[in-house]
PDB file of N, CA and C in Angstrom:
ATOM      1  N   MET A   1       0.771  -1.154  -0.070  1.00  0.00           N
ATOM      2  CA  MET A   1      -0.056  -0.019  -0.012  1.00  0.00           C
ATOM      3  C   MET A   1       0.804   1.348  -0.098  1.00  0.00           C
ATOM      4  N   ILE A   2       1.940   1.208   0.702  1.00  0.00           N
ATOM      5  CA  ILE A   2       2.834   2.378   0.878  1.00  0.00           C
ATOM      6  C   ILE A   2       3.538   2.540  -0.513  1.00  0.00           C
ATOM      7  N   ARG A   3       3.909   1.460  -1.095  1.00  0.00           N
ATOM      8  CA  ARG A   3       4.558   1.542  -2.343  1.00  0.00           C
ATOM      9  C   ARG A   3       3.654   2.172  -3.382  1.00  0.00           C
ATOM     10  N   ILE A   4       2.306   1.977  -3.340  1.00  0.00           N
ATOM     11  CA  ILE A   4       1.394   2.527  -4.277  1.00  0.00           C
ATOM     12  C   ILE A   4       1.325   4.076  -4.136  1.00  0.00           C
ATOM     13  N   VAL A   5       1.249   4.458  -2.845  1.00  0.00           N
ATOM     14  CA  VAL A   5       1.166   5.844  -2.507  1.00  0.00           C
ATOM     15  C   VAL A   5       2.422   6.548  -2.983  1.00  0.00           C
ATOM     16  N   ILE A   6       3.620   6.018  -2.693  1.00  0.00           N
ATOM     17  CA  ILE A   6       4.852   6.596  -3.146  1.00  0.00           C
ATOM     18  C   ILE A   6       4.876   6.768  -4.720  1.00  0.00           C
ATOM     19  N   LEU A   7       4.551   5.623  -5.374  1.00  0.00           N
ATOM     20  CA  LEU A   7       4.467   5.671  -6.716  1.00  0.00           C
ATOM     21  C   LEU A   7       3.577   6.742  -7.304  1.00  0.00           C
ATOM     22  N   LEU A   8       2.415   6.820  -6.847  1.00  0.00           N
ATOM     23  CA  LEU A   8       1.371   7.847  -7.310  1.00  0.00           C
ATOM     24  C   LEU A   8       1.902   9.286  -6.990  1.00  0.00           C
ATOM     25  N   SER A   9       2.569   9.331  -5.893  1.00  0.00           N
ATOM     26  CA  SER A   9       3.107  10.681  -5.598  1.00  0.00           C
ATOM     27  C   SER A   9       4.178  11.065  -6.536  1.00  0.00           C
ATOM     28  N   CYS A  10       5.078  10.212  -6.901  1.00  0.00           N
ATOM     29  CA  CYS A  10       6.086  10.333  -7.853  1.00  0.00           C
ATOM     30  C   CYS A  10       5.535  10.757  -9.228  1.00  0.00           C
ATOM     31  N   ILE A  11       4.551  10.011  -9.573  1.00  0.00           N
ATOM     32  CA  ILE A  11       3.863  10.262 -10.948  1.00  0.00           C
ATOM     33  C   ILE A  11       3.229  11.685 -10.933  1.00  0.00           C
ATOM     34  N   LEU A  12       2.561  11.971  -9.836  1.00  0.00           N
ATOM     35  CA  LEU A  12       1.992  13.283  -9.706  1.00  0.00           C
ATOM     36  C   LEU A  12       2.945  14.467  -9.713  1.00  0.00           C
ATOM     37  N   LEU A  13       4.090  14.336  -8.986  1.00  0.00           N
ATOM     38  CA  LEU A  13       5.164  15.247  -9.054  1.00  0.00           C
ATOM     39  C   LEU A  13       5.822  15.387 -10.392  1.00  0.00           C
ATOM     40  N   LEU A  14       6.065  14.454 -11.183  1.00  0.00           N
ATOM     41  CA  LEU A  14       6.525  14.520 -12.454  1.00  0.00           C
ATOM     42  C   LEU A  14       5.609  15.093 -13.395  1.00  0.00           C
ATOM     43  N   SER A  15       4.253  14.915 -13.324  1.00  0.00           N
ATOM     44  CA  SER A  15       3.333  15.507 -14.272  1.00  0.00           C
ATOM     45  C   SER A  15       3.261  17.052 -13.894  1.00  0.00           C
ATOM     46  N   ILE A  16       3.367  17.346 -12.732  1.00  0.00           N
ATOM     47  CA  ILE A  16       3.276  18.821 -12.488  1.00  0.00           C
ATOM     48  C   ILE A  16       4.471  19.408 -12.830  1.00  0.00           C
ATOM     49  N   THR A  17       5.657  18.878 -12.792  1.00  0.00           N
ATOM     50  CA  THR A  17       6.983  19.605 -13.165  1.00  0.00           C
ATOM     51  C   THR A  17       7.402  19.254 -14.480  1.00  0.00           C
ATOM     52  N   ALA A  18       6.663  18.662 -15.414  1.00  0.00           N
ATOM     53  CA  ALA A  18       7.086  18.284 -16.674  1.00  0.00           C
ATOM     54  C   ALA A  18       7.307  19.415 -17.581  1.00  0.00           C
ATOM     55  N   CYS A  19       8.343  19.568 -18.377  1.00  0.00           N
ATOM     56  CA  CYS A  19       8.578  20.810 -19.156  1.00  0.00           C
ATOM     57  C   CYS A  19       8.066  20.524 -20.638  1.00  0.00           C
ATOM     58  N   HIS A  20       7.543  21.521 -21.167  1.00  0.00           N
ATOM     59  CA  HIS A  20       7.223  21.355 -22.616  1.00  0.00           C
ATOM     60  C   HIS A  20       8.271  22.105 -23.321  1.00  0.00           C
ATOM     61  N   THR A  21       9.352  21.577 -23.569  1.00  0.00           N
ATOM     62  CA  THR A  21      10.464  22.208 -24.230  1.00  0.00           C
ATOM     63  C   THR A  21      10.671  21.915 -25.717  1.00  0.00           C
ATOM     64  N   GLN A  22       9.716  21.263 -26.300  1.00  0.00           N
ATOM     65  CA  GLN A  22       9.866  20.904 -27.644  1.00  0.00           C
ATOM     66  C   GLN A  22       9.645  22.188 -28.599  1.00  0.00           C
ATOM     67  N   MET A  23      10.595  22.389 -29.399  1.00  0.00           N
ATOM     68  CA  MET A  23      10.515  23.430 -30.405  1.00  0.00           C
ATOM     69  C   MET A  23       9.522  23.181 -31.417  1.00  0.00           C
ATOM     70  N   ILE A  24       8.630  24.170 -31.850  1.00  0.00           N
ATOM     71  CA  ILE A  24       7.657  24.019 -32.806  1.00  0.00           C
ATOM     72  C   ILE A  24       8.043  24.874 -33.961  1.00  0.00           C
ATOM     73  N   TYR A  25       8.195  24.219 -35.183  1.00  0.00           N
ATOM     74  CA  TYR A  25       8.686  24.829 -36.439  1.00  0.00           C
ATOM     75  C   TYR A  25       7.414  24.838 -37.326  1.00  0.00           C
ATOM     76  N   PRO A  26       6.784  26.067 -37.535  1.00  0.00           N
ATOM     77  CA  PRO A  26       5.714  26.145 -38.397  1.00  0.00           C
ATOM     78  C   PRO A  26       6.092  25.956 -39.902  1.00  0.00           C
ATOM     79  N   VAL A  27       5.351  25.455 -40.735  1.00  0.00           N
ATOM     80  CA  VAL A  27       5.523  25.370 -42.127  1.00  0.00           C
ATOM     81  C   VAL A  27       5.728  26.848 -42.808  1.00  0.00           C
ATOM     82  N   MET A  28       6.801  27.049 -43.304  1.00  0.00           N
ATOM     83  CA  MET A  28       7.062  28.426 -43.948  1.00  0.00           C
ATOM     84  C   MET A  28       7.056  28.204 -45.408  1.00  0.00           C
ATOM     85  N   ILE A  29       6.634  29.217 -46.202  1.00  0.00           N
ATOM     86  CA  ILE A  29       6.657  29.168 -47.596  1.00  0.00           C
ATOM     87  C   ILE A  29       7.284  30.443 -48.197  1.00  0.00           C
ATOM     88  N   LYS A  30       7.859  30.378 -49.458  1.00  0.00           N
ATOM     89  CA  LYS A  30       8.495  31.502 -50.110  1.00  0.00           C
ATOM     90  C   LYS A  30       8.355  31.295 -51.563  1.00  0.00           C
ATOM     91  N   ALA A  31       7.691  32.262 -52.384  1.00  0.00           N
ATOM     92  CA  ALA A  31       7.603  31.909 -53.773  1.00  0.00           C
ATOM     93  C   ALA A  31       8.898  31.815 -54.398  1.00  0.00           C
ATOM     94  N   GLY A  32       9.087  30.976 -55.324  1.00  0.00           N
ATOM     95  CA  GLY A  32      10.175  30.752 -56.102  1.00  0.00           C
ATOM     96  C   GLY A  32      11.372  29.968 -55.358  1.00  0.00           C
ATOM     97  N   ALA A  33      11.185  29.703 -54.036  1.00  0.00           N
ATOM     98  CA  ALA A  33      12.257  29.044 -53.287  1.00  0.00           C
ATOM     99  C   ALA A  33      12.306  27.489 -53.584  1.00  0.00           C
ATOM    100  N   THR A  34      13.449  27.026 -53.838  1.00  0.00           N
ATOM    101  CA  THR A  34      13.570  25.498 -54.114  1.00  0.00           C
ATOM    102  C   THR A  34      13.486  24.781 -52.749  1.00  0.00           C
ATOM    103  N   ASP A  35      13.375  23.426 -52.900  1.00  0.00           N
ATOM    104  CA  ASP A  35      13.227  22.641 -51.701  1.00  0.00           C
ATOM    105  C   ASP A  35      14.480  22.681 -50.986  1.00  0.00           C
ATOM    106  N   GLN A  36      15.737  22.675 -51.718  1.00  0.00           N
ATOM    107  CA  GLN A  36      17.057  22.682 -51.015  1.00  0.00           C
ATOM    108  C   GLN A  36      17.187  24.104 -50.320  1.00  0.00           C
ATOM    109  N   GLN A  37      16.844  25.215 -50.961  1.00  0.00           N
ATOM    110  CA  GLN A  37      16.986  26.457 -50.328  1.00  0.00           C
ATOM    111  C   GLN A  37      16.075  26.575 -49.014  1.00  0.00           C
ATOM    112  N   LEU A  38      15.029  26.088 -49.100  1.00  0.00           N
ATOM    113  CA  LEU A  38      14.003  26.055 -47.879  1.00  0.00           C
ATOM    114  C   LEU A  38      14.703  25.233 -46.845  1.00  0.00           C
ATOM    115  N   LYS A  39      15.192  24.037 -47.061  1.00  0.00           N
ATOM    116  CA  LYS A  39      15.892  23.172 -46.047  1.00  0.00           C
ATOM    117  C   LYS A  39      17.011  23.930 -45.477  1.00  0.00           C
ATOM    118  N   THR A  40      17.810  24.576 -46.335  1.00  0.00           N
ATOM    119  CA  THR A  40      19.082  25.298 -45.867  1.00  0.00           C
ATOM    120  C   THR A  40      18.691  26.470 -44.968  1.00  0.00           C
ATOM    121  N   ASP A  41      17.737  27.255 -45.394  1.00  0.00           N
ATOM    122  CA  ASP A  41      17.335  28.483 -44.522  1.00  0.00           C
ATOM    123  C   ASP A  41      16.640  28.010 -43.265  1.00  0.00           C
ATOM    124  N   ALA A  42      15.905  26.928 -43.232  1.00  0.00           N
ATOM    125  CA  ALA A  42      15.113  26.388 -42.070  1.00  0.00           C
ATOM    126  C   ALA A  42      16.292  25.849 -41.083  1.00  0.00           C
ATOM    127  N   LEU A  43      17.184  25.084 -41.612  1.00  0.00           N
ATOM    128  CA  LEU A  43      18.208  24.652 -40.678  1.00  0.00           C
ATOM    129  C   LEU A  43      19.038  25.821 -39.998  1.00  0.00           C
ATOM    130  N   ASP A  44      19.415  26.690 -40.885  1.00  0.00           N
ATOM    131  CA  ASP A  44      20.148  27.968 -40.307  1.00  0.00           C
ATOM    132  C   ASP A  44      19.333  28.642 -39.205  1.00  0.00           C
ATOM    133  N   CYS A  45      17.976  28.817 -39.441  1.00  0.00           N
ATOM    134  CA  CYS A  45      17.200  29.392 -38.399  1.00  0.00           C
ATOM    135  C   CYS A  45      16.935  28.650 -37.231  1.00  0.00           C
ATOM    136  N   LYS A  46      16.803  27.324 -37.456  1.00  0.00           N
ATOM    137  CA  LYS A  46      16.679  26.311 -36.360  1.00  0.00           C
ATOM    138  C   LYS A  46      17.870  26.408 -35.444  1.00  0.00           C
ATOM    139  N   MET A  47      19.111  26.477 -36.081  1.00  0.00           N
ATOM    140  CA  MET A  47      20.369  26.379 -35.234  1.00  0.00           C
ATOM    141  C   MET A  47      20.386  27.783 -34.485  1.00  0.00           C
ATOM    142  N   LYS A  48      20.066  28.839 -35.034  1.00  0.00           N
ATOM    143  CA  LYS A  48      20.150  30.161 -34.442  1.00  0.00           C
ATOM    144  C   LYS A  48      19.091  30.140 -33.255  1.00  0.00           C
ATOM    145  N   ALA A  49      17.871  29.689 -33.548  1.00  0.00           N
ATOM    146  CA  ALA A  49      16.824  29.673 -32.485  1.00  0.00           C
ATOM    147  C   ALA A  49      17.282  28.771 -31.341  1.00  0.00           C
ATOM    148  N   ALA A  50      17.950  27.542 -31.507  1.00  0.00           N
ATOM    149  CA  ALA A  50      18.403  26.773 -30.465  1.00  0.00           C
ATOM    150  C   ALA A  50      19.495  27.497 -29.664  1.00  0.00           C
ATOM    151  N   ASP A  51      20.325  28.246 -30.299  1.00  0.00           N
ATOM    152  CA  ASP A  51      21.414  29.002 -29.553  1.00  0.00           C
ATOM    153  C   ASP A  51      20.673  30.093 -28.838  1.00  0.00           C
ATOM    154  N   PHE A  52      19.721  30.775 -29.361  1.00  0.00           N
ATOM    155  CA  PHE A  52      18.859  31.769 -28.720  1.00  0.00           C
ATOM    156  C   PHE A  52      18.298  31.259 -27.371  1.00  0.00           C
ATOM    157  N   LYS A  53      17.671  30.010 -27.478  1.00  0.00           N
ATOM    158  CA  LYS A  53      17.002  29.402 -26.405  1.00  0.00           C
ATOM    159  C   LYS A  53      18.132  29.067 -25.288  1.00  0.00           C
ATOM    160  N   SER A  54      19.332  28.613 -25.614  1.00  0.00           N
ATOM    161  CA  SER A  54      20.198  28.236 -24.690  1.00  0.00           C
ATOM    162  C   SER A  54      20.807  29.441 -23.859  1.00  0.00           C
ATOM    163  N   LYS A  55      20.787  30.648 -24.568  1.00  0.00           N
ATOM    164  CA  LYS A  55      21.148  31.798 -23.898  1.00  0.00           C
ATOM    165  C   LYS A  55      20.124  32.312 -23.017  1.00  0.00           C
ATOM    166  N   LEU A  56      18.859  32.064 -23.130  1.00  0.00           N
ATOM    167  CA  LEU A  56      17.754  32.508 -22.390  1.00  0.00           C
ATOM    168  C   LEU A  56      17.583  31.620 -21.038  1.00  0.00           C
ATOM    169  N   SER A  57      17.788  30.357 -21.203  1.00  0.00           N
ATOM    170  CA  SER A  57      17.715  29.455 -20.104  1.00  0.00           C
ATOM    171  C   SER A  57      19.005  29.471 -19.375  1.00  0.00           C
ATOM    172  N   SER A  58      18.908  29.198 -18.108  1.00  0.00           N
ATOM    173  CA  SER A  58      20.076  29.097 -17.143  1.00  0.00           C
ATOM    174  C   SER A  58      20.837  27.734 -17.459  1.00  0.00           C
ATOM    175  N   GLY A  59      20.127  26.788 -17.908  1.00  0.00           N
ATOM    176  CA  GLY A  59      20.699  25.524 -18.338  1.00  0.00           C
ATOM    177  C   GLY A  59      20.978  24.671 -17.026  1.00  0.00           C
ATOM    178  N   GLY A  60      21.581  23.513 -17.109  1.00  0.00           N
ATOM    179  CA  GLY A  60      21.861  22.729 -15.992  1.00  0.00           C
ATOM    180  C   GLY A  60      20.569  22.053 -15.358  1.00  0.00           C
ATOM    181  N   ALA A  61      20.766  21.292 -14.337  1.00  0.00           N
ATOM    182  CA  ALA A  61      19.752  20.667 -13.801  1.00  0.00           C
ATOM    183  C   ALA A  61      18.935  21.589 -12.791  1.00  0.00           C
ATOM    184  N   PRO A  62      17.597  21.404 -12.618  1.00  0.00           N
ATOM    185  CA  PRO A  62      16.817  22.142 -11.763  1.00  0.00           C
ATOM    186  C   PRO A  62      17.200  21.935 -10.266  1.00  0.00           C
ATOM    187  N   SER A  63      16.846  22.815  -9.579  1.00  0.00           N
ATOM    188  CA  SER A  63      16.938  22.733  -8.016  1.00  0.00           C
ATOM    189  C   SER A  63      16.056  21.614  -7.515  1.00  0.00           C
ATOM    190  N   PHE A  64      16.485  20.925  -6.417  1.00  0.00           N
ATOM    191  CA  PHE A  64      15.676  19.883  -5.886  1.00  0.00           C
ATOM    192  C   PHE A  64      14.465  20.384  -5.299  1.00  0.00           C
ATOM    193  N   GLY A  65      13.475  19.534  -5.222  1.00  0.00           N
ATOM    194  CA  GLY A  65      12.191  19.940  -4.650  1.00  0.00           C
ATOM    195  C   GLY A  65      11.178  20.420  -5.663  1.00  0.00           C
ATOM    196  N   PRO A  66       9.867  20.426  -5.240  1.00  0.00           N
ATOM    197  CA  PRO A  66       8.912  20.855  -6.176  1.00  0.00           C
ATOM    198  C   PRO A  66       8.840  22.339  -6.528  1.00  0.00           C
ATOM    199  N   ILE A  67       9.501  23.338  -5.702  1.00  0.00           N
ATOM    200  CA  ILE A  67       9.478  24.579  -6.057  1.00  0.00           C
ATOM    201  C   ILE A  67      10.605  24.837  -7.265  1.00  0.00           C
ATOM    202  N   GLY A  68      11.763  24.164  -6.888  1.00  0.00           N
ATOM    203  CA  GLY A  68      12.809  24.298  -7.911  1.00  0.00           C
ATOM    204  C   GLY A  68      12.448  23.751  -9.265  1.00  0.00           C
ATOM    205  N   MET A  69      11.737  22.592  -9.256  1.00  0.00           N
ATOM    206  CA  MET A  69      11.234  21.980 -10.335  1.00  0.00           C
ATOM    207  C   MET A  69      10.271  22.955 -11.162  1.00  0.00           C
ATOM    208  N   ALA A  70       9.334  23.526 -10.490  1.00  0.00           N
ATOM    209  CA  ALA A  70       8.311  24.451 -11.027  1.00  0.00           C
ATOM    210  C   ALA A  70       9.024  25.604 -11.643  1.00  0.00           C
ATOM    211  N   LYS A  71       9.915  26.191 -10.983  1.00  0.00           N
ATOM    212  CA  LYS A  71      10.701  27.383 -11.496  1.00  0.00           C
ATOM    213  C   LYS A  71      11.402  26.955 -12.726  1.00  0.00           C
ATOM    214  N   HIS A  72      12.083  25.734 -12.778  1.00  0.00           N
ATOM    215  CA  HIS A  72      12.803  25.348 -13.951  1.00  0.00           C
ATOM    216  C   HIS A  72      11.808  25.048 -15.234  1.00  0.00           C
ATOM    217  N   LYS A  73      10.637  24.503 -14.820  1.00  0.00           N
ATOM    218  CA  LYS A  73       9.709  24.263 -15.794  1.00  0.00           C
ATOM    219  C   LYS A  73       9.167  25.583 -16.464  1.00  0.00           C
ATOM    220  N   LYS A  74       8.951  26.578 -15.642  1.00  0.00           N
ATOM    221  CA  LYS A  74       8.491  27.824 -16.111  1.00  0.00           C
ATOM    222  C   LYS A  74       9.511  28.507 -16.966  1.00  0.00           C
ATOM    223  N   GLU A  75      10.697  28.526 -16.479  1.00  0.00           N
ATOM    224  CA  GLU A  75      11.822  29.097 -17.329  1.00  0.00           C
ATOM    225  C   GLU A  75      12.094  28.464 -18.609  1.00  0.00           C
ATOM    226  N   MET A  76      12.012  27.129 -18.698  1.00  0.00           N
ATOM    227  CA  MET A  76      12.253  26.407 -19.896  1.00  0.00           C
ATOM    228  C   MET A  76      11.105  26.578 -20.802  1.00  0.00           C
ATOM    229  N   ASN A  77       9.891  26.662 -20.368  1.00  0.00           N
ATOM    230  CA  ASN A  77       8.811  26.838 -21.159  1.00  0.00           C
ATOM    231  C   ASN A  77       8.790  28.239 -21.854  1.00  0.00           C
ATOM    232  N   GLU A  78       9.130  29.242 -21.071  1.00  0.00           N
ATOM    233  CA  GLU A  78       9.299  30.590 -21.513  1.00  0.00           C
ATOM    234  C   GLU A  78      10.349  30.748 -22.597  1.00  0.00           C
ATOM    235  N   ALA A  79      11.551  30.091 -22.395  1.00  0.00           N
ATOM    236  CA  ALA A  79      12.622  30.064 -23.269  1.00  0.00           C
ATOM    237  C   ALA A  79      12.164  29.398 -24.641  1.00  0.00           C
ATOM    238  N   THR A  80      11.547  28.322 -24.535  1.00  0.00           N
ATOM    239  CA  THR A  80      10.954  27.635 -25.684  1.00  0.00           C
ATOM    240  C   THR A  80      10.089  28.505 -26.487  1.00  0.00           C
ATOM    241  N   GLU A  81       9.176  29.215 -25.846  1.00  0.00           N
ATOM    242  CA  GLU A  81       8.218  30.051 -26.541  1.00  0.00           C
ATOM    243  C   GLU A  81       8.880  31.187 -27.346  1.00  0.00           C
ATOM    244  N   GLU A  82       9.943  31.821 -26.567  1.00  0.00           N
ATOM    245  CA  GLU A  82      10.674  32.858 -27.194  1.00  0.00           C
ATOM    246  C   GLU A  82      11.520  32.419 -28.497  1.00  0.00           C
ATOM    247  N   ALA A  83      12.079  31.255 -28.300  1.00  0.00           N
ATOM    248  CA  ALA A  83      12.806  30.620 -29.343  1.00  0.00           C
ATOM    249  C   ALA A  83      12.088  30.240 -30.534  1.00  0.00           C
ATOM    250  N   ASN A  84      10.771  29.774 -30.280  1.00  0.00           N
ATOM    251  CA  ASN A  84       9.864  29.563 -31.471  1.00  0.00           C
ATOM    252  C   ASN A  84       9.605  30.829 -32.079  1.00  0.00           C
ATOM    253  N   LYS A  85       9.272  31.938 -31.462  1.00  0.00           N
ATOM    254  CA  LYS A  85       9.097  33.248 -32.133  1.00  0.00           C
ATOM    255  C   LYS A  85      10.279  33.726 -32.927  1.00  0.00           C
ATOM    256  N   PHE A  86      11.529  33.494 -32.221  1.00  0.00           N
ATOM    257  CA  PHE A  86      12.735  33.848 -32.921  1.00  0.00           C
ATOM    258  C   PHE A  86      12.873  33.134 -34.225  1.00  0.00           C
ATOM    259  N   TYR A  87      12.532  31.796 -34.245  1.00  0.00           N
ATOM    260  CA  TYR A  87      12.571  31.094 -35.670  1.00  0.00           C
ATOM    261  C   TYR A  87      11.707  31.779 -36.614  1.00  0.00           C
ATOM    262  N   VAL A  88      10.485  31.960 -36.316  1.00  0.00           N
ATOM    263  CA  VAL A  88       9.551  32.516 -37.231  1.00  0.00           C
ATOM    264  C   VAL A  88      10.127  33.920 -37.717  1.00  0.00           C
ATOM    265  N   GLU A  89      10.612  34.774 -36.886  1.00  0.00           N
ATOM    266  CA  GLU A  89      11.183  35.984 -37.301  1.00  0.00           C
ATOM    267  C   GLU A  89      12.316  35.805 -38.134  1.00  0.00           C
ATOM    268  N   CYS A  90      13.292  34.925 -37.749  1.00  0.00           N
ATOM    269  CA  CYS A  90      14.368  34.561 -38.675  1.00  0.00           C
ATOM    270  C   CYS A  90      13.921  34.242 -40.147  1.00  0.00           C
ATOM    271  N   MET A  91      12.913  33.376 -40.208  1.00  0.00           N
ATOM    272  CA  MET A  91      12.562  32.827 -41.560  1.00  0.00           C
ATOM    273  C   MET A  91      11.753  34.041 -42.244  1.00  0.00           C
ATOM    274  N   GLU A  92      11.105  34.914 -41.546  1.00  0.00           N
ATOM    275  CA  GLU A  92      10.425  35.988 -42.192  1.00  0.00           C
ATOM    276  C   GLU A  92      11.510  37.024 -42.796  1.00  0.00           C
ATOM    277  N   GLU A  93      12.599  37.154 -42.041  1.00  0.00           N
ATOM    278  CA  GLU A  93      13.799  37.986 -42.524  1.00  0.00           C
ATOM    279  C   GLU A  93      14.185  37.412 -43.854  1.00  0.00           C
ATOM    280  N   LYS A  94      14.232  36.213 -44.085  1.00  0.00           N
ATOM    281  CA  LYS A  94      14.692  35.576 -45.235  1.00  0.00           C
ATOM    282  C   LYS A  94      13.679  35.557 -46.338  1.00  0.00           C
ATOM    283  N   GLY A  95      12.386  36.052 -46.085  1.00  0.00           N
ATOM    284  CA  GLY A  95      11.492  36.294 -47.090  1.00  0.00           C
ATOM    285  C   GLY A  95      10.313  35.119 -47.084  1.00  0.00           C
ATOM    286  N   TYR A  96      10.325  34.350 -46.102  1.00  0.00           N
ATOM    287  CA  TYR A  96       9.314  33.316 -45.910  1.00  0.00           C
ATOM    288  C   TYR A  96       8.131  33.987 -45.160  1.00  0.00           C
ATOM    289  N   SER A  97       6.946  33.179 -45.323  1.00  0.00           N
ATOM    290  CA  SER A  97       5.781  33.526 -44.429  1.00  0.00           C
ATOM    291  C   SER A  97       5.131  32.285 -43.944  1.00  0.00           C
ATOM    292  N   VAL A  98       4.416  32.332 -42.948  1.00  0.00           N
ATOM    293  CA  VAL A  98       3.755  31.127 -42.312  1.00  0.00           C
ATOM    294  C   VAL A  98       2.601  30.639 -43.196  1.00  0.00           C
ATOM    295  N   LYS A  99       2.668  29.418 -43.620  1.00  0.00           N
ATOM    296  CA  LYS A  99       1.715  28.772 -44.467  1.00  0.00           C
ATOM    297  C   LYS A  99       0.424  28.752 -43.899  1.00  0.00           C
TER     298      LYS A  99
END
């Protein structure tokens, strides 16, 4: 019984503190752009966005405990959001628009 309670507590803690740090790259289009040019430009902007995200977040492991995990989650989610916006802006500077 105690094991079940501990297991459920761990699952609850992990679900509360889970980070959504997945970068989201929308489909971008540009009139006259070749497939190779799109891939090259997208890769360039993805690398710049990842670098931008790493500069926004403090990096490293979060502090121990639920408060430290929640703070880390918030920081990573905000950094991911800003990096996603950075990617779109980078592609727009190259003449692409969101499909």
